[in-house]
Amino acid sequence: MIKEIDISDSKQAEKIQHIQILVYTVEAELIGAYDIPPLHDTIETLQKCDENDLYCQN
């Protein structure tokens, strides 16, 4: 089942930020560029964006 994450919840936003940093750090290392915008997101910028964060629940 696909569910939406409530990014306005600070704990959920922190989890998204943590995962985002892990994933984009790998990408940055692969391409040799560390100026990828998601690497510099804060909890506040994540909460202000107009994106929907989804996850799969088994």
PDB file of N, CA and C in Angstrom:
ATOM      1  N   MET A   1       0.841  -1.164   0.000  1.00  0.00           N
ATOM      2  CA  MET A   1       0.000   0.000   0.000  1.00  0.00           C
ATOM      3  C   MET A   1       0.901   1.246   0.000  1.00  0.00           C
ATOM      4  N   ILE A   2       0.582   2.208  -0.844  1.00  0.00           N
ATOM      5  CA  ILE A   2       1.314   3.466  -0.919  1.00  0.00           C
ATOM      6  C   ILE A   2       0.623   4.481  -0.010  1.00  0.00           C
ATOM      7  N   LYS A   3       1.408   5.134   0.845  1.00  0.00           N
ATOM      8  CA  LYS A   3       0.864   6.146   1.755  1.00  0.00           C
ATOM      9  C   LYS A   3       1.685   7.417   1.647  1.00  0.00           C
ATOM     10  N   GLU A   4       1.051   8.536   1.985  1.00  0.00           N
ATOM     11  CA  GLU A   4       1.739   9.822   1.984  1.00  0.00           C
ATOM     12  C   GLU A   4       2.315  10.098   3.369  1.00  0.00           C
ATOM     13  N   ILE A   5       3.506  10.658   3.392  1.00  0.00           N
ATOM     14  CA  ILE A   5       4.158  11.028   4.648  1.00  0.00           C
ATOM     15  C   ILE A   5       3.774  12.467   4.978  1.00  0.00           C
ATOM     16  N   ASP A   6       3.412  12.699   6.223  1.00  0.00           N
ATOM     17  CA  ASP A   6       3.064  14.043   6.678  1.00  0.00           C
ATOM     18  C   ASP A   6       4.343  14.797   7.009  1.00  0.00           C
ATOM     19  N   ILE A   7       4.861  15.519   6.023  1.00  0.00           N
ATOM     20  CA  ILE A   7       6.144  16.212   6.171  1.00  0.00           C
ATOM     21  C   ILE A   7       6.041  17.397   7.135  1.00  0.00           C
ATOM     22  N   SER A   8       4.826  17.821   7.467  1.00  0.00           N
ATOM     23  CA  SER A   8       4.681  18.907   8.448  1.00  0.00           C
ATOM     24  C   SER A   8       5.026  18.421   9.857  1.00  0.00           C
ATOM     25  N   ASP A   9       5.002  17.109  10.057  1.00  0.00           N
ATOM     26  CA  ASP A   9       5.420  16.499  11.323  1.00  0.00           C
ATOM     27  C   ASP A   9       6.954  16.508  11.350  1.00  0.00           C
ATOM     28  N   SER A  10       7.536  17.197  12.307  1.00  0.00           N
ATOM     29  CA  SER A  10       8.999  17.358  12.356  1.00  0.00           C
ATOM     30  C   SER A  10       9.744  16.032  12.397  1.00  0.00           C
ATOM     31  N   LYS A  11       9.231  15.056  13.107  1.00  0.00           N
ATOM     32  CA  LYS A  11       9.907  13.746  13.179  1.00  0.00           C
ATOM     33  C   LYS A  11       9.925  13.074  11.805  1.00  0.00           C
ATOM     34  N   GLN A  12       8.821  13.179  11.066  1.00  0.00           N
ATOM     35  CA  GLN A  12       8.775  12.607   9.724  1.00  0.00           C
ATOM     36  C   GLN A  12       9.717  13.365   8.794  1.00  0.00           C
ATOM     37  N   ALA A  13       9.748  14.678   8.916  1.00  0.00           N
ATOM     38  CA  ALA A  13      10.640  15.491   8.084  1.00  0.00           C
ATOM     39  C   ALA A  13      12.099  15.138   8.360  1.00  0.00           C
ATOM     40  N   GLU A  14      12.432  14.897   9.619  1.00  0.00           N
ATOM     41  CA  GLU A  14      13.804  14.500   9.968  1.00  0.00           C
ATOM     42  C   GLU A  14      14.172  13.169   9.319  1.00  0.00           C
ATOM     43  N   LYS A  15      13.236  12.231   9.308  1.00  0.00           N
ATOM     44  CA  LYS A  15      13.495  10.930   8.672  1.00  0.00           C
ATOM     45  C   LYS A  15      13.712  11.092   7.176  1.00  0.00           C
ATOM     46  N   ILE A  16      12.893  11.914   6.540  1.00  0.00           N
ATOM     47  CA  ILE A  16      13.038  12.156   5.100  1.00  0.00           C
ATOM     48  C   ILE A  16      14.387  12.816   4.821  1.00  0.00           C
ATOM     49  N   GLN A  17      14.749  13.802   5.622  1.00  0.00           N
ATOM     50  CA  GLN A  17      16.028  14.482   5.433  1.00  0.00           C
ATOM     51  C   GLN A  17      17.190  13.501   5.575  1.00  0.00           C
ATOM     52  N   HIS A  18      17.134  12.643   6.564  1.00  0.00           N
ATOM     53  CA  HIS A  18      18.197  11.660   6.784  1.00  0.00           C
ATOM     54  C   HIS A  18      18.352  10.742   5.569  1.00  0.00           C
ATOM     55  N   ILE A  19      17.253  10.204   5.088  1.00  0.00           N
ATOM     56  CA  ILE A  19      17.293   9.314   3.918  1.00  0.00           C
ATOM     57  C   ILE A  19      17.791  10.079   2.692  1.00  0.00           C
ATOM     58  N   GLN A  20      17.293  11.290   2.518  1.00  0.00           N
ATOM     59  CA  GLN A  20      17.680  12.111   1.370  1.00  0.00           C
ATOM     60  C   GLN A  20      19.183  12.367   1.363  1.00  0.00           C
ATOM     61  N   ILE A  21      19.745  12.680   2.515  1.00  0.00           N
ATOM     62  CA  ILE A  21      21.193  12.937   2.585  1.00  0.00           C
ATOM     63  C   ILE A  21      21.979  11.673   2.256  1.00  0.00           C
ATOM     64  N   LEU A  22      21.548  10.526   2.778  1.00  0.00           N
ATOM     65  CA  LEU A  22      22.236   9.268   2.472  1.00  0.00           C
ATOM     66  C   LEU A  22      22.237   8.988   0.972  1.00  0.00           C
ATOM     67  N   VAL A  23      21.092   9.110   0.351  1.00  0.00           N
ATOM     68  CA  VAL A  23      20.940   8.781  -1.069  1.00  0.00           C
ATOM     69  C   VAL A  23      21.718   9.757  -1.949  1.00  0.00           C
ATOM     70  N   TYR A  24      21.553  11.050  -1.692  1.00  0.00           N
ATOM     71  CA  TYR A  24      22.213  12.031  -2.548  1.00  0.00           C
ATOM     72  C   TYR A  24      23.710  12.117  -2.307  1.00  0.00           C
ATOM     73  N   THR A  25      24.185  11.685  -1.151  1.00  0.00           N
ATOM     74  CA  THR A  25      25.626  11.620  -0.925  1.00  0.00           C
ATOM     75  C   THR A  25      26.243  10.561  -1.843  1.00  0.00           C
ATOM     76  N   VAL A  26      25.586   9.442  -1.982  1.00  0.00           N
ATOM     77  CA  VAL A  26      26.070   8.395  -2.898  1.00  0.00           C
ATOM     78  C   VAL A  26      26.097   8.930  -4.324  1.00  0.00           C
ATOM     79  N   GLU A  27      25.013   9.598  -4.730  1.00  0.00           N
ATOM     80  CA  GLU A  27      24.973  10.162  -6.082  1.00  0.00           C
ATOM     81  C   GLU A  27      26.097  11.190  -6.266  1.00  0.00           C
ATOM     82  N   ALA A  28      26.291  12.048  -5.289  1.00  0.00           N
ATOM     83  CA  ALA A  28      27.334  13.072  -5.385  1.00  0.00           C
ATOM     84  C   ALA A  28      28.711  12.434  -5.542  1.00  0.00           C
ATOM     85  N   GLU A  29      28.955  11.363  -4.790  1.00  0.00           N
ATOM     86  CA  GLU A  29      30.240  10.671  -4.899  1.00  0.00           C
ATOM     87  C   GLU A  29      30.416  10.058  -6.274  1.00  0.00           C
ATOM     88  N   LEU A  30      29.346   9.498  -6.829  1.00  0.00           N
ATOM     89  CA  LEU A  30      29.427   8.862  -8.149  1.00  0.00           C
ATOM     90  C   LEU A  30      29.725   9.865  -9.254  1.00  0.00           C
ATOM     91  N   ILE A  31      29.128  11.041  -9.158  1.00  0.00           N
ATOM     92  CA  ILE A  31      29.317  12.023 -10.236  1.00  0.00           C
ATOM     93  C   ILE A  31      30.372  13.071  -9.902  1.00  0.00           C
ATOM     94  N   GLY A  32      30.869  13.040  -8.675  1.00  0.00           N
ATOM     95  CA  GLY A  32      31.913  13.980  -8.283  1.00  0.00           C
ATOM     96  C   GLY A  32      31.433  15.412  -8.120  1.00  0.00           C
ATOM     97  N   ALA A  33      30.178  15.584  -7.760  1.00  0.00           N
ATOM     98  CA  ALA A  33      29.624  16.928  -7.573  1.00  0.00           C
ATOM     99  C   ALA A  33      28.798  16.944  -6.291  1.00  0.00           C
ATOM    100  N   TYR A  34      29.163  17.831  -5.382  1.00  0.00           N
ATOM    101  CA  TYR A  34      28.487  17.875  -4.085  1.00  0.00           C
ATOM    102  C   TYR A  34      27.561  19.088  -3.941  1.00  0.00           C
ATOM    103  N   ASP A  35      27.279  19.733  -5.068  1.00  0.00           N
ATOM    104  CA  ASP A  35      26.391  20.892  -5.026  1.00  0.00           C
ATOM    105  C   ASP A  35      24.959  20.524  -5.399  1.00  0.00           C
ATOM    106  N   ILE A  36      24.609  19.258  -5.230  1.00  0.00           N
ATOM    107  CA  ILE A  36      23.247  18.794  -5.513  1.00  0.00           C
ATOM    108  C   ILE A  36      22.319  19.436  -4.471  1.00  0.00           C
ATOM    109  N   PRO A  37      21.321  20.192  -4.913  1.00  0.00           N
ATOM    110  CA  PRO A  37      20.464  20.918  -3.965  1.00  0.00           C
ATOM    111  C   PRO A  37      19.869  20.083  -2.822  1.00  0.00           C
ATOM    112  N   PRO A  38      19.396  18.861  -3.052  1.00  0.00           N
ATOM    113  CA  PRO A  38      18.826  18.107  -1.932  1.00  0.00           C
ATOM    114  C   PRO A  38      19.810  17.810  -0.798  1.00  0.00           C
ATOM    115  N   LEU A  39      21.105  17.873  -1.082  1.00  0.00           N
ATOM    116  CA  LEU A  39      22.097  17.669  -0.018  1.00  0.00           C
ATOM    117  C   LEU A  39      22.101  18.822   0.975  1.00  0.00           C
ATOM    118  N   HIS A  40      21.544  19.939   0.581  1.00  0.00           N
ATOM    119  CA  HIS A  40      21.596  21.137   1.413  1.00  0.00           C
ATOM    120  C   HIS A  40      20.230  21.525   1.977  1.00  0.00           C
ATOM    121  N   ASP A  41      19.238  20.661   1.789  1.00  0.00           N
ATOM    122  CA  ASP A  41      17.912  20.924   2.349  1.00  0.00           C
ATOM    123  C   ASP A  41      17.952  20.886   3.870  1.00  0.00           C
ATOM    124  N   THR A  42      17.124  21.701   4.471  1.00  0.00           N
ATOM    125  CA  THR A  42      16.929  21.679   5.917  1.00  0.00           C
ATOM    126  C   THR A  42      15.526  21.141   6.177  1.00  0.00           C
ATOM    127  N   ILE A  43      15.205  20.904   7.426  1.00  0.00           N
ATOM    128  CA  ILE A  43      13.850  20.477   7.775  1.00  0.00           C
ATOM    129  C   ILE A  43      12.853  21.522   7.274  1.00  0.00           C
ATOM    130  N   GLU A  44      13.194  22.783   7.464  1.00  0.00           N
ATOM    131  CA  GLU A  44      12.305  23.865   7.057  1.00  0.00           C
ATOM    132  C   GLU A  44      12.084  23.902   5.538  1.00  0.00           C
ATOM    133  N   THR A  45      13.165  23.733   4.766  1.00  0.00           N
ATOM    134  CA  THR A  45      12.991  23.767   3.309  1.00  0.00           C
ATOM    135  C   THR A  45      12.198  22.558   2.831  1.00  0.00           C
ATOM    136  N   LEU A  46      12.381  21.428   3.474  1.00  0.00           N
ATOM    137  CA  LEU A  46      11.583  20.252   3.105  1.00  0.00           C
ATOM    138  C   LEU A  46      10.110  20.487   3.390  1.00  0.00           C
ATOM    139  N   GLN A  47       9.816  21.107   4.517  1.00  0.00           N
ATOM    140  CA  GLN A  47       8.429  21.332   4.900  1.00  0.00           C
ATOM    141  C   GLN A  47       7.771  22.405   4.034  1.00  0.00           C
ATOM    142  N   LYS A  48       8.553  23.292   3.456  1.00  0.00           N
ATOM    143  CA  LYS A  48       7.994  24.367   2.621  1.00  0.00           C
ATOM    144  C   LYS A  48       7.826  23.962   1.158  1.00  0.00           C
ATOM    145  N   CYS A  49       8.456  22.879   0.738  1.00  0.00           N
ATOM    146  CA  CYS A  49       8.381  22.492  -0.677  1.00  0.00           C
ATOM    147  C   CYS A  49       6.988  21.949  -1.003  1.00  0.00           C
ATOM    148  N   ASP A  50       6.662  21.959  -2.273  1.00  0.00           N
ATOM    149  CA  ASP A  50       5.342  21.501  -2.723  1.00  0.00           C
ATOM    150  C   ASP A  50       5.348  20.053  -3.194  1.00  0.00           C
ATOM    151  N   GLU A  51       6.314  19.282  -2.741  1.00  0.00           N
ATOM    152  CA  GLU A  51       6.411  17.887  -3.159  1.00  0.00           C
ATOM    153  C   GLU A  51       5.646  16.991  -2.192  1.00  0.00           C
ATOM    154  N   ASN A  52       5.208  15.853  -2.707  1.00  0.00           N
ATOM    155  CA  ASN A  52       4.572  14.841  -1.864  1.00  0.00           C
ATOM    156  C   ASN A  52       5.575  13.726  -1.626  1.00  0.00           C
ATOM    157  N   ASP A  53       5.720  13.328  -0.394  1.00  0.00           N
ATOM    158  CA  ASP A  53       6.603  12.216  -0.053  1.00  0.00           C
ATOM    159  C   ASP A  53       5.748  10.992   0.219  1.00  0.00           C
ATOM    160  N   LEU A  54       6.080   9.911  -0.472  1.00  0.00           N
ATOM    161  CA  LEU A  54       5.303   8.688  -0.381  1.00  0.00           C
ATOM    162  C   LEU A  54       6.188   7.551   0.091  1.00  0.00           C
ATOM    163  N   TYR A  55       5.562   6.544   0.677  1.00  0.00           N
ATOM    164  CA  TYR A  55       6.294   5.341   1.047  1.00  0.00           C
ATOM    165  C   TYR A  55       5.399   4.130   0.814  1.00  0.00           C
ATOM    166  N   CYS A  56       6.041   2.987   0.705  1.00  0.00           N
ATOM    167  CA  CYS A  56       5.332   1.737   0.490  1.00  0.00           C
ATOM    168  C   CYS A  56       5.300   0.981   1.803  1.00  0.00           C
ATOM    169  N   GLN A  57       4.105   0.618   2.224  1.00  0.00           N
ATOM    170  CA  GLN A  57       3.940  -0.157   3.454  1.00  0.00           C
ATOM    171  C   GLN A  57       3.486  -1.564   3.080  1.00  0.00           C
ATOM    172  N   ASN A  58       4.238  -2.544   3.533  1.00  0.00           N
ATOM    173  CA  ASN A  58       3.874  -3.936   3.244  1.00  0.00           C
ATOM    174  C   ASN A  58       2.937  -4.473   4.277  1.00  0.00           C
TER     175      ASN A  58
END
